[in-house]
Amino acid sequence: MRTYLRRCPSCGGYTLRETCPKCDVMSAVPAPARFSPEDRYGAYRRRLKRRLEAERNG
């Protein structure tokens, strides 16, 4: 099941758009991804997370 509802991290409003119509900030999916013990993309997700954290920390 795919979720279309998104939440703005800035104002806290809900929308179906990728950007918030009130403050023009990128909205995000408010719920975490469903857990599966057969996580096919887990290695890629963790690698991306480490790369983003390294860029953020310098």
C-alpha atoms as a PDB file:
ATOM      1  CA  MET A   1       0.000   0.000   0.000  1.00  0.00           C
ATOM      2  CA  ARG A   2       1.448   3.319  -1.054  1.00  0.00           C
ATOM      3  CA  THR A   3       0.915   6.439   1.029  1.00  0.00           C
ATOM      4  CA  TYR A   4       0.254   9.776  -0.605  1.00  0.00           C
ATOM      5  CA  LEU A   5      -0.251  11.880   2.521  1.00  0.00           C
ATOM      6  CA  ARG A   6       2.769  14.044   3.305  1.00  0.00           C
ATOM      7  CA  ARG A   7       3.623  16.366   6.211  1.00  0.00           C
ATOM      8  CA  CYS A   8       5.452  19.679   6.164  1.00  0.00           C
ATOM      9  CA  PRO A   9       8.348  19.723   8.673  1.00  0.00           C
ATOM     10  CA  SER A  10       8.219  23.516   8.869  1.00  0.00           C
ATOM     11  CA  CYS A  11       4.570  24.327   9.627  1.00  0.00           C
ATOM     12  CA  GLY A  12       3.310  20.832  10.532  1.00  0.00           C
ATOM     13  CA  GLY A  13       0.503  20.874   7.969  1.00  0.00           C
ATOM     14  CA  TYR A  14      -0.537  17.889   5.857  1.00  0.00           C
ATOM     15  CA  THR A  15      -0.681  17.879   2.067  1.00  0.00           C
ATOM     16  CA  LEU A  16      -0.719  15.575  -0.942  1.00  0.00           C
ATOM     17  CA  ARG A  17       1.899  17.669  -2.762  1.00  0.00           C
ATOM     18  CA  GLU A  18       5.681  17.308  -2.629  1.00  0.00           C
ATOM     19  CA  THR A  19       5.998  20.912  -1.458  1.00  0.00           C
ATOM     20  CA  CYS A  20       3.876  22.596   1.193  1.00  0.00           C
ATOM     21  CA  PRO A  21       1.384  25.033  -0.365  1.00  0.00           C
ATOM     22  CA  LYS A  22       1.586  27.327   2.704  1.00  0.00           C
ATOM     23  CA  CYS A  23       5.348  27.740   3.179  1.00  0.00           C
ATOM     24  CA  ASP A  24       6.819  26.185  -0.027  1.00  0.00           C
ATOM     25  CA  VAL A  25       9.050  23.711   1.870  1.00  0.00           C
ATOM     26  CA  MET A  26       9.601  20.087   0.777  1.00  0.00           C
ATOM     27  CA  SER A  27       7.134  17.825   2.563  1.00  0.00           C
ATOM     28  CA  ALA A  28       7.989  14.359   3.874  1.00  0.00           C
ATOM     29  CA  VAL A  29       6.160  11.093   4.462  1.00  0.00           C
ATOM     30  CA  PRO A  30       5.129  11.190   8.155  1.00  0.00           C
ATOM     31  CA  ALA A  31       5.325   7.426   8.787  1.00  0.00           C
ATOM     32  CA  PRO A  32       8.417   5.210   8.674  1.00  0.00           C
ATOM     33  CA  ALA A  33       8.732   2.498   6.061  1.00  0.00           C
ATOM     34  CA  ARG A  34       7.190  -0.875   6.852  1.00  0.00           C
ATOM     35  CA  PHE A  35       9.589  -3.335   8.523  1.00  0.00           C
ATOM     36  CA  SER A  36      10.460  -6.524   6.713  1.00  0.00           C
ATOM     37  CA  PRO A  37      13.013  -9.144   7.831  1.00  0.00           C
ATOM     38  CA  GLU A  38      13.799  -9.628   4.134  1.00  0.00           C
ATOM     39  CA  ASP A  39      15.002  -6.037   3.723  1.00  0.00           C
ATOM     40  CA  ARG A  40      16.187  -6.124   0.116  1.00  0.00           C
ATOM     41  CA  TYR A  41      17.343  -2.507   0.040  1.00  0.00           C
ATOM     42  CA  GLY A  42      18.701  -2.228   3.594  1.00  0.00           C
ATOM     43  CA  ALA A  43      22.353  -2.176   2.565  1.00  0.00           C
ATOM     44  CA  TYR A  44      21.727   0.645   0.092  1.00  0.00           C
ATOM     45  CA  ARG A  45      19.677   2.616   2.613  1.00  0.00           C
ATOM     46  CA  ARG A  46      22.337   2.304   5.322  1.00  0.00           C
ATOM     47  CA  ARG A  47      25.088   3.280   2.873  1.00  0.00           C
ATOM     48  CA  LEU A  48      23.140   6.374   1.839  1.00  0.00           C
ATOM     49  CA  LYS A  49      22.470   7.254   5.483  1.00  0.00           C
ATOM     50  CA  ARG A  50      26.179   7.018   6.348  1.00  0.00           C
ATOM     51  CA  ARG A  51      27.097   9.151   3.327  1.00  0.00           C
ATOM     52  CA  LEU A  52      24.560  11.845   4.228  1.00  0.00           C
ATOM     53  CA  GLU A  53      25.730  11.905   7.853  1.00  0.00           C
ATOM     54  CA  ALA A  54      29.364  12.218   6.723  1.00  0.00           C
ATOM     55  CA  GLU A  55      28.471  15.154   4.457  1.00  0.00           C
ATOM     56  CA  ARG A  56      26.490  16.810   7.235  1.00  0.00           C
ATOM     57  CA  ASN A  57      29.307  16.416   9.791  1.00  0.00           C
ATOM     58  CA  GLY A  58      32.017  17.607   7.454  1.00  0.00           C
END
